[in-house]
Protein backbone atom coordinates (compact mmCIF):
# COMPACT_ATOMS: atom_id res chain seq x y z
CA UNK A 1 -19.85 7.86 11.03
CA UNK A 2 -22.86 5.59 10.42
CA UNK A 3 -22.88 1.90 11.26
CA UNK A 4 -21.63 -0.30 8.37
CA UNK A 5 -24.43 -1.87 6.37
CA UNK A 6 -24.64 -5.27 4.71
CA UNK A 7 -22.51 -5.07 1.53
CA UNK A 8 -24.56 -4.22 -1.55
CA UNK A 9 -23.78 -4.47 -5.27
CA UNK A 10 -22.47 -0.90 -5.13
CA UNK A 11 -20.08 -1.85 -2.33
CA UNK A 12 -18.75 -4.78 -4.35
CA UNK A 13 -18.26 -2.50 -7.35
CA UNK A 14 -16.40 -0.01 -5.17
CA UNK A 15 -14.22 -2.83 -3.81
CA UNK A 16 -13.45 -4.00 -7.37
CA UNK A 17 -12.54 -0.45 -8.41
CA UNK A 18 -10.25 -0.05 -5.40
CA UNK A 19 -8.53 -3.38 -6.08
CA UNK A 20 -8.07 -2.39 -9.72
CA UNK A 21 -6.55 0.98 -8.81
CA UNK A 22 -4.17 -0.46 -6.22
CA UNK A 23 -3.36 -3.61 -8.18
CA UNK A 24 -2.41 -1.79 -11.39
CA UNK A 25 -0.38 0.88 -9.53
CA UNK A 26 2.71 -1.33 -9.64
CA UNK A 27 2.60 -1.41 -13.43
CA UNK A 28 2.25 2.39 -13.65
CA UNK A 29 5.19 2.72 -11.26
CA UNK A 30 7.22 0.64 -13.70
CA UNK A 31 6.25 2.97 -16.56
CA UNK A 32 6.99 6.09 -14.47
CA UNK A 33 10.51 4.86 -13.72
CA UNK A 34 11.31 5.26 -17.41
CA UNK A 35 11.20 9.05 -16.92
CA UNK A 36 12.00 9.72 -13.26
CA UNK A 37 14.09 8.16 -10.45
CA UNK A 38 12.24 6.51 -7.54
CA UNK A 39 12.26 9.46 -5.12
CA UNK A 40 10.95 11.83 -7.81
CA UNK A 41 8.19 9.34 -8.67
CA UNK A 42 7.25 9.27 -4.99
CA UNK A 43 7.28 13.05 -4.60
CA UNK A 44 5.13 13.84 -7.63
CA UNK A 45 2.65 11.11 -6.65
CA UNK A 46 2.40 12.43 -3.10
CA UNK A 47 2.04 16.07 -4.16
CA UNK A 48 -0.72 15.39 -6.68
CA UNK A 49 -2.54 13.13 -4.26
CA UNK A 50 -2.35 15.70 -1.46
CA UNK A 51 -3.73 18.47 -3.66
CA UNK A 52 -6.70 16.35 -4.74
CA UNK A 53 -7.46 15.14 -1.20
CA UNK A 54 -7.22 18.65 0.28
CA UNK A 55 -9.72 19.74 -2.37
CA UNK A 56 -11.97 16.78 -1.54
CA UNK A 57 -11.89 17.59 2.19
CA UNK A 58 -12.83 21.20 1.41
CA UNK A 59 -15.66 19.95 -0.84
CA UNK A 60 -16.96 17.83 2.06
CA UNK A 61 -16.97 20.96 4.24
CA UNK A 62 -14.12 19.74 6.42
CA UNK A 63 -11.61 22.14 7.94
CA UNK A 64 -8.01 21.11 8.53
CA UNK A 65 -7.01 21.49 12.21
CA UNK A 66 -4.71 24.39 13.22
CA UNK A 67 -0.98 23.65 13.05
CA UNK A 68 -0.69 23.58 16.85
CA UNK A 69 -3.22 20.73 17.06
CA UNK A 70 -1.62 17.49 18.34
CA UNK A 71 -3.26 15.60 15.49
CA UNK A 72 -0.62 16.93 13.11
CA UNK A 73 1.92 14.77 14.96
CA UNK A 74 -0.25 11.75 14.14
CA UNK A 75 -0.69 12.96 10.55
CA UNK A 76 3.08 13.17 10.21
CA UNK A 77 3.60 9.63 11.50
CA UNK A 78 0.86 8.24 9.30
CA UNK A 79 2.18 10.18 6.33
CA UNK A 80 5.68 8.80 6.82
CA UNK A 81 4.82 5.12 7.35
CA UNK A 82 1.72 4.99 5.18
CA UNK A 83 2.85 7.12 2.24
CA UNK A 84 6.32 8.69 2.13
CA UNK A 85 8.36 5.60 3.01
CA UNK A 86 6.48 2.89 1.06
CA UNK A 87 5.88 5.18 -1.93
CA UNK A 88 9.68 5.48 -2.18
CA UNK A 89 10.63 1.90 -1.32
CA UNK A 90 8.31 0.27 -3.87
CA UNK A 91 9.65 2.22 -6.90
CA UNK A 92 13.18 1.65 -5.59
CA UNK A 93 12.56 -2.08 -5.49
CA UNK A 94 10.97 -2.03 -8.93
CA UNK A 95 14.16 -0.72 -10.47
CA UNK A 96 15.36 -4.34 -10.23
CA UNK A 97 12.26 -6.55 -9.84
CA UNK A 98 9.00 -6.84 -11.79
CA UNK A 99 5.77 -5.09 -10.91
CA UNK A 100 4.09 -8.48 -10.53
CA UNK A 101 6.59 -9.61 -7.90
CA UNK A 102 6.37 -6.26 -6.09
CA UNK A 103 2.60 -6.58 -5.84
CA UNK A 104 2.89 -10.05 -4.33
CA UNK A 105 5.51 -8.98 -1.78
CA UNK A 106 3.40 -6.07 -0.51
CA UNK A 107 0.59 -8.58 0.16
CA UNK A 108 2.26 -9.51 3.47
CA UNK A 109 0.91 -6.27 4.99
CA UNK A 110 -2.17 -7.74 6.76
CA UNK A 111 -0.08 -10.56 8.23
CA UNK A 112 2.52 -8.15 9.60
CA UNK A 113 -0.31 -6.04 11.01
CA UNK A 114 -1.52 -9.02 13.06
CA UNK A 115 1.86 -9.29 14.83
CA UNK A 116 2.38 -5.54 15.30
CA UNK A 117 -1.15 -5.09 16.64
CA UNK A 118 -0.46 -7.81 19.22
CA UNK A 119 2.70 -6.11 20.52
CA UNK A 120 1.75 -2.45 20.17
CA UNK A 121 -2.06 -2.20 20.09
CA UNK A 122 -3.01 -4.76 22.72
CA UNK A 123 -4.91 -7.03 20.33
CA UNK A 124 -5.13 -10.73 21.15
CA UNK A 125 -3.05 -13.31 19.32
CA UNK A 126 -5.40 -16.20 18.55
CA UNK A 127 -4.36 -19.63 17.37
CA UNK A 128 -5.53 -18.85 13.85
CA UNK A 129 -3.74 -15.52 13.70
CA UNK A 130 -0.48 -17.21 14.67
CA UNK A 131 -0.97 -20.05 12.18
CA UNK A 132 -1.87 -17.53 9.47
CA UNK A 133 1.24 -15.46 10.16
CA UNK A 134 3.54 -18.50 10.11
CA UNK A 135 1.90 -19.70 6.89
CA UNK A 136 2.36 -16.30 5.28
CA UNK A 137 5.98 -16.17 6.41
CA UNK A 138 6.53 -19.54 4.72
CA UNK A 139 5.01 -18.04 1.58
CA UNK A 140 7.52 -15.17 1.69
CA UNK A 141 10.39 -17.66 2.01
CA UNK A 142 9.06 -19.55 -1.03
CA UNK A 143 8.52 -16.28 -2.92
CA UNK A 144 12.01 -14.88 -2.34
CA UNK A 145 13.51 -18.34 -2.76
CA UNK A 146 15.38 -20.53 -0.27
CA UNK A 147 18.60 -20.21 -2.27
CA UNK A 148 18.31 -16.42 -2.25
CA UNK A 149 18.03 -16.41 1.54
CA UNK A 150 21.42 -18.10 1.67
CA UNK A 151 22.87 -15.37 -0.52
CA UNK A 152 21.37 -12.10 0.70
CA UNK A 153 24.04 -10.12 -1.12
CA UNK A 154 22.35 -10.74 -4.46
CA UNK A 155 20.87 -7.62 -6.07
CA UNK A 156 17.43 -9.09 -6.77
CA UNK A 157 17.08 -10.38 -3.22
CA UNK A 158 18.00 -7.04 -1.67
CA UNK A 159 15.43 -5.21 -3.79
CA UNK A 160 12.79 -7.81 -2.91
CA UNK A 161 13.52 -7.11 0.75
CA UNK A 162 13.15 -3.37 0.03
CA UNK A 163 9.61 -3.94 -1.28
CA UNK A 164 8.91 -6.28 1.63
CA UNK A 165 9.93 -3.43 3.95
CA UNK A 166 7.29 -1.27 2.23
CA UNK A 167 4.67 -3.87 3.16
CA UNK A 168 5.88 -3.76 6.77
CA UNK A 169 5.68 0.03 6.69
CA UNK A 170 2.02 -0.19 5.63
CA UNK A 171 1.46 -2.55 8.57
CA UNK A 172 2.98 -0.02 11.01
CA UNK A 173 0.68 2.60 9.52
CA UNK A 174 -2.35 0.36 10.10
CA UNK A 175 -1.50 0.04 13.80
CA UNK A 176 -0.80 3.77 14.17
CA UNK A 177 -4.14 4.59 12.56
CA UNK A 178 -5.93 2.73 15.36
CA UNK A 179 -4.20 4.95 17.94
CA UNK A 180 -4.96 8.24 16.17
CA UNK A 181 -7.44 10.66 17.83
CA UNK A 182 -10.90 10.58 16.30
CA UNK A 183 -10.76 12.60 13.09
CA UNK A 184 -12.99 12.75 10.00
CA UNK A 185 -11.58 10.32 7.42
CA UNK A 186 -11.20 12.95 4.71
CA UNK A 187 -9.23 15.23 7.05
CA UNK A 188 -7.06 12.35 8.25
CA UNK A 189 -6.21 11.26 4.71
CA UNK A 190 -5.54 14.80 3.47
CA UNK A 191 -3.41 15.65 6.51
CA UNK A 192 -1.31 12.49 6.31
CA UNK A 193 -0.70 12.81 2.58
CA UNK A 194 0.14 16.52 2.90
CA UNK A 195 2.75 15.74 5.57
CA UNK A 196 4.19 12.99 3.39
CA UNK A 197 4.45 15.35 0.42
CA UNK A 198 6.27 17.97 2.51
CA UNK A 199 8.71 15.33 3.82
CA UNK A 200 9.46 14.08 0.34
CA UNK A 201 9.63 17.42 -1.48
CA UNK A 202 13.32 18.37 -0.88
CA UNK A 203 14.52 14.91 -1.95
CA UNK A 204 12.21 14.88 -4.96
CA UNK A 205 13.39 18.29 -6.19
CA UNK A 206 17.02 17.23 -5.84
CA UNK A 207 16.40 13.94 -7.66
CA UNK A 208 14.48 15.64 -10.47
CA UNK A 209 17.30 18.20 -10.85
CA UNK A 210 19.85 15.39 -11.21
CA UNK A 211 17.62 13.31 -13.46
CA UNK A 212 19.05 12.32 -16.85
CA UNK A 213 16.25 9.98 -17.94
CA UNK A 214 14.22 10.90 -21.05
CA UNK A 215 10.88 12.63 -20.48
CA UNK A 216 8.56 10.16 -22.23
CA UNK A 217 4.83 10.68 -22.65
CA UNK A 218 4.08 7.26 -21.14
CA UNK A 219 6.36 7.90 -18.17
CA UNK A 220 4.88 11.26 -17.22
CA UNK A 221 1.26 10.34 -17.93
CA UNK A 222 1.70 7.24 -15.75
CA UNK A 223 3.17 9.38 -12.97
CA UNK A 224 0.28 11.85 -13.10
CA UNK A 225 -2.18 8.97 -13.02
CA UNK A 226 -0.42 7.47 -9.99
CA UNK A 227 -1.06 10.66 -8.04
CA UNK A 228 -4.69 11.02 -9.13
CA UNK A 229 -5.94 7.43 -9.47
CA UNK A 230 -4.22 4.91 -7.17
CA UNK A 231 -3.52 7.62 -4.57
CA UNK A 232 -6.27 10.27 -4.37
CA UNK A 233 -9.25 8.55 -5.99
CA UNK A 234 -8.41 5.23 -4.33
CA UNK A 235 -8.30 6.95 -0.92
CA UNK A 236 -11.76 8.43 -1.47
CA UNK A 237 -13.12 5.00 -2.47
CA UNK A 238 -11.34 3.47 0.54
CA UNK A 239 -13.08 5.91 2.90
CA UNK A 240 -16.43 5.33 1.20
CA UNK A 241 -16.20 1.55 1.64
CA UNK A 242 -15.27 1.95 5.32
CA UNK A 243 -18.29 4.18 5.88
CA UNK A 244 -20.73 1.94 3.99
CA UNK A 245 -19.62 -1.66 4.60
CA UNK A 246 -16.91 -1.57 7.30
CA UNK A 247 -13.29 -2.59 7.63
CA UNK A 248 -14.00 -6.33 7.59
CA UNK A 249 -15.48 -6.12 4.10
CA UNK A 250 -12.68 -3.81 2.96
CA UNK A 251 -10.04 -6.36 4.04
CA UNK A 252 -11.14 -8.59 1.15
CA UNK A 253 -9.14 -6.28 -1.10
CA UNK A 254 -5.97 -7.90 0.28
CA UNK A 255 -6.80 -11.05 -1.66
CA UNK A 256 -7.46 -9.28 -4.95
CA UNK A 257 -4.68 -6.68 -5.26
CA UNK A 258 -1.69 -9.09 -5.57
CA UNK A 259 -3.58 -11.18 -8.14
CA UNK A 260 -4.29 -8.08 -10.25
CA UNK A 261 -0.65 -6.98 -9.93
CA UNK A 262 0.45 -10.42 -11.13
CA UNK A 263 -1.99 -10.55 -14.06
CA UNK A 264 -1.25 -7.00 -15.29
CA UNK A 265 2.48 -7.64 -15.07
CA UNK A 266 2.13 -10.80 -17.12
CA UNK A 267 -0.10 -9.00 -19.64
CA UNK A 268 2.65 -6.44 -20.25
CA UNK A 269 5.41 -8.95 -20.87
CA UNK A 270 6.77 -9.65 -17.40
CA UNK A 271 7.68 -13.18 -16.41
CA UNK A 272 7.74 -14.72 -12.95
CA UNK A 273 9.08 -18.08 -11.84
CA UNK A 274 7.04 -20.94 -10.35
CA UNK A 275 7.88 -19.94 -6.79
CA UNK A 276 6.06 -16.61 -7.28
CA UNK A 277 2.78 -18.41 -7.98
CA UNK A 278 3.30 -20.81 -5.10
CA UNK A 279 4.38 -18.03 -2.74
CA UNK A 280 1.29 -15.96 -3.64
CA UNK A 281 -1.01 -18.92 -2.97
CA UNK A 282 0.60 -19.58 0.42
CA UNK A 283 0.50 -15.89 1.45
CA UNK A 284 -3.19 -15.60 0.52
CA UNK A 285 -3.83 -18.81 2.44
CA UNK A 286 -2.09 -17.30 5.46
CA UNK A 287 -4.30 -14.19 5.24
CA UNK A 288 -7.40 -16.39 5.13
CA UNK A 289 -6.26 -18.36 8.17
CA UNK A 290 -5.43 -15.19 10.12
CA UNK A 291 -8.96 -13.89 9.53
CA UNK A 292 -10.61 -16.95 11.08
CA UNK A 293 -12.35 -16.43 14.39
CA UNK A 294 -11.90 -18.95 17.26
CA UNK A 295 -15.34 -20.36 16.43
CA UNK A 296 -14.65 -20.75 12.71
CA UNK A 297 -14.20 -18.72 9.51
CA UNK A 298 -15.50 -15.15 9.58
């Protein structure tokens, strides 16, 4: 892989496209739930994404490793924490909460990564990382609501925690990725998503068989788009940005995705309370603080 270059206009356009794909995914999940239960939404999304990414890896001239290669163990772990688990938890949470709120809750991922990387990847915990994490945690408390924390039996609160768990799962995946043997990005992505699809398939078939929801055009078209756009195409763009501009530039997407999720949710009739706006601002502030270097902002 070549050394990252200074971000160009093309890199910024790629970053905007990635943020748009990931940020609007929550809205398309909401539409998909009109036709399929959460686990079926997850399974179809994973299967379509895996097919496209396997085709992309073949197009790039990459060969998948043999099944006895130890990298498949890593692919399975990455597929579970980075795809299978969060792709199920987010739709499950969105059965009770808005897409806008789900997008904001998932934004805690980079803050959780800071803590997990300290304990499990040997990364240092600087003053700014700690302050950023504590600030982001305060934002989550504001977002969920202090009164809700005193009544965790409430349905909305439990489903908010489900989506929050998806953000934590993404953070685990980020740490595991750093410990994965060196593998071409297209092979890594295709392998992880293929493992996730296989894990989810039995549950998805069972859920689809039991499904009594109407098969609407909007629901199914949104589900197909989830597999192709925010999953497969977004992964290709993700890899392209890493190759061209590096992970530091890519991390800027964490500021944009929750804002897009909020705006698209509002545009399609969702409403959020004042604490959602305040919580989002505090979480984004925590991310900014966590990214500061000891000598100043990066």
